[in-house]
Amino acid sequence: MSSWTQAGITVLGEKVLWTDLVGNVLSLATVWLAMRRTLWTWPVQLSGAVLLLVASVSAHAPGNALKQVMFLALASYGWARWLRGLRESRELPVRPATGRERLALVGTLAVGTVAVALLFANIPWLQISWSPLANAYIFVGSAVATYAQSRALVDFWVIWVLVDLVGVPLAFKSGLYVSGAAYGIFFILVLAGFRDWLKQYRRQRRHTEPKVVAA
């Protein structure tokens, strides 16, 4: 009798793990909730990360498993940050990153990708001898995007677009077909989320800008 971690269904001749399927459904729900700037974004993301961690371990994808561990830590941080923001305002205040913040995000993505790629290529237990750079880019990009999301920066949507462009083909290559399909849906949701957060930021600016009174 197989373990529940190996349970799944067969789709077009390929086995799809229930943990991968449900975990990605929760991940999609996370994006939808983030678009609405609700605090439920984070507990749902934590639940999805746990299931995807199990799926990644079952699929012998240690890089993706480590990414889910990273999500668990960053989602806890983001939950605390958004909770504080919602206590101070009726709606979560969102904003674009400053020039310095953008430089820090891009620099972290670039330097972090190279550093993590070297780890993926040289640490035997990680078993990522193929595409270590792509795996590292997705790992670090996901971390940077989630951190920017926790700070309620509109730019986090743009970072997710860049991650998705690599994540879709890599997920299919790893045999995580549900994850690959989910990345494709993510791409559409992320574009919609970017538009909605920009609108929210502009509304906030109109409400906070002082009105000019004619003499």
C-alpha atoms as a PDB file:
ATOM      1  CA  MET A   1       0.000   0.000   0.000  1.00  0.00           C
ATOM      2  CA  SER A   2       1.519   3.310  -1.086  1.00  0.00           C
ATOM      3  CA  SER A   3       2.102   6.207   1.238  1.00  0.00           C
ATOM      4  CA  TRP A   4      -0.280   9.182   1.098  1.00  0.00           C
ATOM      5  CA  THR A   5       2.678  11.256  -0.100  1.00  0.00           C
ATOM      6  CA  GLN A   6       2.763   9.143  -3.273  1.00  0.00           C
ATOM      7  CA  ALA A   7      -1.003   9.135  -3.839  1.00  0.00           C
ATOM      8  CA  GLY A   8      -2.262  10.765  -7.010  1.00  0.00           C
ATOM      9  CA  ILE A   9      -4.047  10.419 -10.314  1.00  0.00           C
ATOM     10  CA  THR A  10      -2.876   9.649 -13.829  1.00  0.00           C
ATOM     11  CA  VAL A  11      -3.364  12.362 -16.437  1.00  0.00           C
ATOM     12  CA  LEU A  12      -2.358  11.673 -20.056  1.00  0.00           C
ATOM     13  CA  GLY A  13      -0.136   8.846 -18.899  1.00  0.00           C
ATOM     14  CA  GLU A  14       1.655  10.935 -16.272  1.00  0.00           C
ATOM     15  CA  LYS A  15       1.169  10.568 -12.528  1.00  0.00           C
ATOM     16  CA  VAL A  16       0.064  13.732 -10.757  1.00  0.00           C
ATOM     17  CA  LEU A  17       0.570  13.750  -6.998  1.00  0.00           C
ATOM     18  CA  TRP A  18      -2.351  14.986  -4.890  1.00  0.00           C
ATOM     19  CA  THR A  19       0.102  17.033  -2.811  1.00  0.00           C
ATOM     20  CA  ASP A  20       1.342  18.743  -5.992  1.00  0.00           C
ATOM     21  CA  LEU A  21      -2.200  19.327  -7.252  1.00  0.00           C
ATOM     22  CA  VAL A  22      -3.705  20.684  -4.018  1.00  0.00           C
ATOM     23  CA  GLY A  23      -0.544  22.621  -3.176  1.00  0.00           C
ATOM     24  CA  ASN A  24      -0.683  24.426  -6.508  1.00  0.00           C
ATOM     25  CA  VAL A  25      -4.407  25.127  -6.143  1.00  0.00           C
ATOM     26  CA  LEU A  26      -3.595  26.820  -2.830  1.00  0.00           C
ATOM     27  CA  SER A  27      -0.729  28.687  -4.478  1.00  0.00           C
ATOM     28  CA  LEU A  28      -3.103  29.991  -7.146  1.00  0.00           C
ATOM     29  CA  ALA A  29      -5.506  31.001  -4.388  1.00  0.00           C
ATOM     30  CA  THR A  30      -2.624  32.857  -2.742  1.00  0.00           C
ATOM     31  CA  VAL A  31      -2.156  35.007  -5.847  1.00  0.00           C
ATOM     32  CA  TRP A  32      -5.892  35.734  -6.024  1.00  0.00           C
ATOM     33  CA  LEU A  33      -5.935  36.689  -2.338  1.00  0.00           C
ATOM     34  CA  ALA A  34      -2.831  38.869  -2.747  1.00  0.00           C
ATOM     35  CA  MET A  35      -4.599  40.756  -5.535  1.00  0.00           C
ATOM     36  CA  ARG A  36      -7.241  41.655  -2.943  1.00  0.00           C
ATOM     37  CA  ARG A  37      -4.634  42.517  -0.301  1.00  0.00           C
ATOM     38  CA  THR A  38      -6.280  40.290   2.316  1.00  0.00           C
ATOM     39  CA  LEU A  39      -4.473  38.859   5.317  1.00  0.00           C
ATOM     40  CA  TRP A  40      -5.690  35.372   4.300  1.00  0.00           C
ATOM     41  CA  THR A  41      -2.959  35.485   1.643  1.00  0.00           C
ATOM     42  CA  TRP A  42      -0.354  34.272   4.097  1.00  0.00           C
ATOM     43  CA  PRO A  43      -1.980  31.316   5.907  1.00  0.00           C
ATOM     44  CA  VAL A  44      -3.096  29.945   2.536  1.00  0.00           C
ATOM     45  CA  GLN A  45       0.437  30.347   1.189  1.00  0.00           C
ATOM     46  CA  LEU A  46       1.837  28.559   4.233  1.00  0.00           C
ATOM     47  CA  SER A  47      -0.545  25.620   3.679  1.00  0.00           C
ATOM     48  CA  GLY A  48       0.359  25.399  -0.008  1.00  0.00           C
ATOM     49  CA  ALA A  49       4.074  25.506   0.790  1.00  0.00           C
ATOM     50  CA  VAL A  50       3.755  22.553   3.169  1.00  0.00           C
ATOM     51  CA  LEU A  51       2.018  20.419   0.521  1.00  0.00           C
ATOM     52  CA  LEU A  52       4.441  21.437  -2.232  1.00  0.00           C
ATOM     53  CA  LEU A  53       7.335  20.644   0.080  1.00  0.00           C
ATOM     54  CA  VAL A  54       5.993  17.111   0.415  1.00  0.00           C
ATOM     55  CA  ALA A  55       5.474  16.871  -3.361  1.00  0.00           C
ATOM     56  CA  SER A  56       9.002  18.103  -4.077  1.00  0.00           C
ATOM     57  CA  VAL A  57      10.558  15.599  -1.700  1.00  0.00           C
ATOM     58  CA  SER A  58       8.510  12.818  -3.335  1.00  0.00           C
ATOM     59  CA  ALA A  59       9.637  13.965  -6.801  1.00  0.00           C
ATOM     60  CA  HIS A  60      13.288  14.093  -5.657  1.00  0.00           C
ATOM     61  CA  ALA A  61      13.473  17.817  -6.431  1.00  0.00           C
ATOM     62  CA  PRO A  62      15.574  19.143  -3.529  1.00  0.00           C
ATOM     63  CA  GLY A  63      15.927  22.633  -4.982  1.00  0.00           C
ATOM     64  CA  ASN A  64      12.177  23.059  -5.155  1.00  0.00           C
ATOM     65  CA  ALA A  65      11.844  21.574  -1.675  1.00  0.00           C
ATOM     66  CA  LEU A  66      14.261  24.154  -0.294  1.00  0.00           C
ATOM     67  CA  LYS A  67      12.226  26.854  -2.025  1.00  0.00           C
ATOM     68  CA  GLN A  68       9.135  25.741  -0.125  1.00  0.00           C
ATOM     69  CA  VAL A  69      11.060  25.879   3.162  1.00  0.00           C
ATOM     70  CA  MET A  70      12.048  29.418   2.230  1.00  0.00           C
ATOM     71  CA  PHE A  71       8.376  30.217   1.523  1.00  0.00           C
ATOM     72  CA  LEU A  72       7.428  28.985   4.986  1.00  0.00           C
ATOM     73  CA  ALA A  73       9.857  31.422   6.597  1.00  0.00           C
ATOM     74  CA  LEU A  74       9.033  34.407   4.363  1.00  0.00           C
ATOM     75  CA  ALA A  75       5.273  33.833   4.534  1.00  0.00           C
ATOM     76  CA  SER A  76       5.468  33.970   8.332  1.00  0.00           C
ATOM     77  CA  TYR A  77       7.350  37.261   8.060  1.00  0.00           C
ATOM     78  CA  GLY A  78       4.883  38.623   5.483  1.00  0.00           C
ATOM     79  CA  TRP A  79       1.922  37.664   7.659  1.00  0.00           C
ATOM     80  CA  ALA A  80       3.356  39.707  10.538  1.00  0.00           C
ATOM     81  CA  ARG A  81       4.127  42.692   8.269  1.00  0.00           C
ATOM     82  CA  TRP A  82       0.660  42.815   6.688  1.00  0.00           C
ATOM     83  CA  LEU A  83      -0.989  42.374  10.071  1.00  0.00           C
ATOM     84  CA  ARG A  84       0.851  45.454  11.293  1.00  0.00           C
ATOM     85  CA  GLY A  85      -0.085  47.421   8.168  1.00  0.00           C
ATOM     86  CA  LEU A  86      -3.772  46.532   8.444  1.00  0.00           C
ATOM     87  CA  ARG A  87      -3.803  47.533  12.106  1.00  0.00           C
ATOM     88  CA  GLU A  88      -2.606  51.007  11.109  1.00  0.00           C
ATOM     89  CA  SER A  89      -4.961  51.428   8.143  1.00  0.00           C
ATOM     90  CA  ARG A  90      -8.327  50.098   6.945  1.00  0.00           C
ATOM     91  CA  GLU A  91      -6.706  48.958   3.680  1.00  0.00           C
ATOM     92  CA  LEU A  92      -3.213  47.601   3.201  1.00  0.00           C
ATOM     93  CA  PRO A  93      -1.049  50.546   2.038  1.00  0.00           C
ATOM     94  CA  VAL A  94       0.815  49.593  -1.145  1.00  0.00           C
ATOM     95  CA  ARG A  95       3.501  51.532  -2.995  1.00  0.00           C
ATOM     96  CA  PRO A  96       6.143  51.197  -5.693  1.00  0.00           C
ATOM     97  CA  ALA A  97       9.675  50.511  -4.496  1.00  0.00           C
ATOM     98  CA  THR A  98      12.079  53.424  -4.266  1.00  0.00           C
ATOM     99  CA  GLY A  99      15.097  53.562  -6.552  1.00  0.00           C
ATOM    100  CA  ARG A 100      17.328  52.309  -3.739  1.00  0.00           C
ATOM    101  CA  GLU A 101      14.946  49.449  -2.949  1.00  0.00           C
ATOM    102  CA  ARG A 102      14.797  48.411  -6.601  1.00  0.00           C
ATOM    103  CA  LEU A 103      18.565  48.425  -6.818  1.00  0.00           C
ATOM    104  CA  ALA A 104      18.729  46.237  -3.712  1.00  0.00           C
ATOM    105  CA  LEU A 105      16.116  43.804  -5.089  1.00  0.00           C
ATOM    106  CA  VAL A 106      17.829  43.478  -8.482  1.00  0.00           C
ATOM    107  CA  GLY A 107      21.271  43.202  -6.870  1.00  0.00           C
ATOM    108  CA  THR A 108      20.073  40.489  -4.506  1.00  0.00           C
ATOM    109  CA  LEU A 109      18.508  38.596  -7.419  1.00  0.00           C
ATOM    110  CA  ALA A 110      21.705  38.761  -9.487  1.00  0.00           C
ATOM    111  CA  VAL A 111      24.258  38.019  -6.769  1.00  0.00           C
ATOM    112  CA  GLY A 112      22.017  35.501  -5.013  1.00  0.00           C
ATOM    113  CA  THR A 113      21.389  33.576  -8.232  1.00  0.00           C
ATOM    114  CA  VAL A 114      25.110  33.131  -8.880  1.00  0.00           C
ATOM    115  CA  ALA A 115      25.830  32.139  -5.272  1.00  0.00           C
ATOM    116  CA  VAL A 116      22.969  29.644  -5.036  1.00  0.00           C
ATOM    117  CA  ALA A 117      23.800  28.208  -8.483  1.00  0.00           C
ATOM    118  CA  LEU A 118      27.298  27.412  -7.244  1.00  0.00           C
ATOM    119  CA  LEU A 119      25.791  25.638  -4.230  1.00  0.00           C
ATOM    120  CA  PHE A 120      23.365  23.692  -6.407  1.00  0.00           C
ATOM    121  CA  ALA A 121      26.163  22.611  -8.733  1.00  0.00           C
ATOM    122  CA  ASN A 122      28.667  21.608  -6.064  1.00  0.00           C
ATOM    123  CA  ILE A 123      26.714  20.168  -3.123  1.00  0.00           C
ATOM    124  CA  PRO A 124      26.076  16.472  -3.899  1.00  0.00           C
ATOM    125  CA  TRP A 125      22.968  15.981  -1.748  1.00  0.00           C
ATOM    126  CA  LEU A 126      21.140  18.714  -3.655  1.00  0.00           C
ATOM    127  CA  GLN A 127      21.479  16.607  -6.822  1.00  0.00           C
ATOM    128  CA  ILE A 128      21.029  19.568  -9.180  1.00  0.00           C
ATOM    129  CA  SER A 129      23.693  18.900 -11.774  1.00  0.00           C
ATOM    130  CA  TRP A 130      21.374  20.042 -14.593  1.00  0.00           C
ATOM    131  CA  SER A 131      20.241  23.649 -14.920  1.00  0.00           C
ATOM    132  CA  PRO A 132      21.686  24.802 -11.582  1.00  0.00           C
ATOM    133  CA  LEU A 133      21.541  28.427 -12.784  1.00  0.00           C
ATOM    134  CA  ALA A 134      17.841  28.222 -13.728  1.00  0.00           C
ATOM    135  CA  ASN A 135      16.979  26.496 -10.447  1.00  0.00           C
ATOM    136  CA  ALA A 136      18.930  29.113  -8.518  1.00  0.00           C
ATOM    137  CA  TYR A 137      17.256  31.951 -10.416  1.00  0.00           C
ATOM    138  CA  ILE A 138      13.786  30.637  -9.529  1.00  0.00           C
ATOM    139  CA  PHE A 139      14.808  30.008  -5.922  1.00  0.00           C
ATOM    140  CA  VAL A 140      16.264  33.473  -5.357  1.00  0.00           C
ATOM    141  CA  GLY A 141      13.645  35.201  -7.515  1.00  0.00           C
ATOM    142  CA  SER A 142      10.860  33.603  -5.483  1.00  0.00           C
ATOM    143  CA  ALA A 143      12.532  34.761  -2.269  1.00  0.00           C
ATOM    144  CA  VAL A 144      12.973  38.327  -3.536  1.00  0.00           C
ATOM    145  CA  ALA A 145       9.389  38.483  -4.837  1.00  0.00           C
ATOM    146  CA  THR A 146       7.919  37.156  -1.583  1.00  0.00           C
ATOM    147  CA  TYR A 147      10.009  39.592   0.462  1.00  0.00           C
ATOM    148  CA  ALA A 148       8.843  42.499  -1.724  1.00  0.00           C
ATOM    149  CA  GLN A 149       5.269  41.241  -1.333  1.00  0.00           C
ATOM    150  CA  SER A 150       5.661  41.222   2.446  1.00  0.00           C
ATOM    151  CA  ARG A 151       6.688  44.898   2.213  1.00  0.00           C
ATOM    152  CA  ALA A 152       3.586  45.598   0.064  1.00  0.00           C
ATOM    153  CA  LEU A 153       5.719  46.778  -2.865  1.00  0.00           C
ATOM    154  CA  VAL A 154       3.933  46.860  -6.230  1.00  0.00           C
ATOM    155  CA  ASP A 155       7.178  45.721  -7.857  1.00  0.00           C
ATOM    156  CA  PHE A 156       6.804  42.192  -6.459  1.00  0.00           C
ATOM    157  CA  TRP A 157       4.388  41.394  -9.297  1.00  0.00           C
ATOM    158  CA  VAL A 158       7.053  42.281 -11.881  1.00  0.00           C
ATOM    159  CA  ILE A 159       9.570  39.993 -10.187  1.00  0.00           C
ATOM    160  CA  TRP A 160       7.055  37.131 -10.314  1.00  0.00           C
ATOM    161  CA  VAL A 161       6.641  37.665 -14.064  1.00  0.00           C
ATOM    162  CA  LEU A 162      10.406  37.258 -14.495  1.00  0.00           C
ATOM    163  CA  VAL A 163      10.382  34.111 -12.343  1.00  0.00           C
ATOM    164  CA  ASP A 164       7.469  32.583 -14.272  1.00  0.00           C
ATOM    165  CA  LEU A 165       9.303  32.948 -17.585  1.00  0.00           C
ATOM    166  CA  VAL A 166      11.839  30.389 -16.353  1.00  0.00           C
ATOM    167  CA  GLY A 167       9.606  28.473 -13.942  1.00  0.00           C
ATOM    168  CA  VAL A 168       7.187  27.094 -16.557  1.00  0.00           C
ATOM    169  CA  PRO A 169       9.712  25.127 -18.671  1.00  0.00           C
ATOM    170  CA  LEU A 170      11.753  24.063 -15.653  1.00  0.00           C
ATOM    171  CA  ALA A 171       8.726  22.625 -13.813  1.00  0.00           C
ATOM    172  CA  PHE A 172       7.771  20.523 -16.845  1.00  0.00           C
ATOM    173  CA  LYS A 173      11.361  19.322 -17.185  1.00  0.00           C
ATOM    174  CA  SER A 174      11.300  18.240 -13.515  1.00  0.00           C
ATOM    175  CA  GLY A 175       8.149  16.197 -14.101  1.00  0.00           C
ATOM    176  CA  LEU A 176       5.979  18.491 -11.960  1.00  0.00           C
ATOM    177  CA  TYR A 177       3.346  18.970 -14.641  1.00  0.00           C
ATOM    178  CA  VAL A 178       0.756  20.526 -12.369  1.00  0.00           C
ATOM    179  CA  SER A 179       3.352  23.029 -11.177  1.00  0.00           C
ATOM    180  CA  GLY A 180       4.209  23.864 -14.788  1.00  0.00           C
ATOM    181  CA  ALA A 181       0.559  24.468 -15.657  1.00  0.00           C
ATOM    182  CA  ALA A 182       0.124  26.493 -12.468  1.00  0.00           C
ATOM    183  CA  TYR A 183       3.069  28.716 -13.420  1.00  0.00           C
ATOM    184  CA  GLY A 184       1.299  29.468 -16.696  1.00  0.00           C
ATOM    185  CA  ILE A 185      -1.877  30.494 -14.852  1.00  0.00           C
ATOM    186  CA  PHE A 186       0.253  32.455 -12.386  1.00  0.00           C
ATOM    187  CA  PHE A 187       1.560  34.537 -15.267  1.00  0.00           C
ATOM    188  CA  ILE A 188      -1.939  35.756 -16.167  1.00  0.00           C
ATOM    189  CA  LEU A 189      -2.940  36.356 -12.547  1.00  0.00           C
ATOM    190  CA  VAL A 190       0.296  38.216 -11.840  1.00  0.00           C
ATOM    191  CA  LEU A 191      -0.322  40.641 -14.708  1.00  0.00           C
ATOM    192  CA  ALA A 192      -3.829  41.287 -13.368  1.00  0.00           C
ATOM    193  CA  GLY A 193      -2.465  41.728  -9.844  1.00  0.00           C
ATOM    194  CA  PHE A 194       0.119  44.240 -11.028  1.00  0.00           C
ATOM    195  CA  ARG A 195      -2.629  46.293 -12.668  1.00  0.00           C
ATOM    196  CA  ASP A 196      -4.854  46.157  -9.571  1.00  0.00           C
ATOM    197  CA  TRP A 197      -2.099  47.156  -7.157  1.00  0.00           C
ATOM    198  CA  LEU A 198      -1.133  50.099  -9.368  1.00  0.00           C
ATOM    199  CA  LYS A 199      -4.754  51.257  -9.330  1.00  0.00           C
ATOM    200  CA  GLN A 200      -4.857  50.892  -5.541  1.00  0.00           C
ATOM    201  CA  TYR A 201      -1.656  52.924  -5.158  1.00  0.00           C
ATOM    202  CA  ARG A 202      -3.045  55.696  -7.351  1.00  0.00           C
ATOM    203  CA  ARG A 203      -6.268  55.766  -5.310  1.00  0.00           C
ATOM    204  CA  GLN A 204      -4.256  56.034  -2.120  1.00  0.00           C
ATOM    205  CA  ARG A 205      -2.268  58.931  -3.535  1.00  0.00           C
ATOM    206  CA  ARG A 206      -5.414  60.817  -4.509  1.00  0.00           C
ATOM    207  CA  HIS A 207      -6.759  60.423  -0.972  1.00  0.00           C
ATOM    208  CA  THR A 208      -3.541  61.572   0.695  1.00  0.00           C
ATOM    209  CA  GLU A 209      -2.564  64.448  -1.617  1.00  0.00           C
ATOM    210  CA  PRO A 210      -3.544  67.854  -0.168  1.00  0.00           C
ATOM    211  CA  LYS A 211      -6.360  69.554  -2.100  1.00  0.00           C
ATOM    212  CA  VAL A 212      -5.642  72.975  -3.561  1.00  0.00           C
ATOM    213  CA  VAL A 213      -8.171  75.543  -2.412  1.00  0.00           C
ATOM    214  CA  ALA A 214      -8.802  78.439  -4.792  1.00  0.00           C
ATOM    215  CA  ALA A 215      -8.216  81.897  -3.298  1.00  0.00           C
END
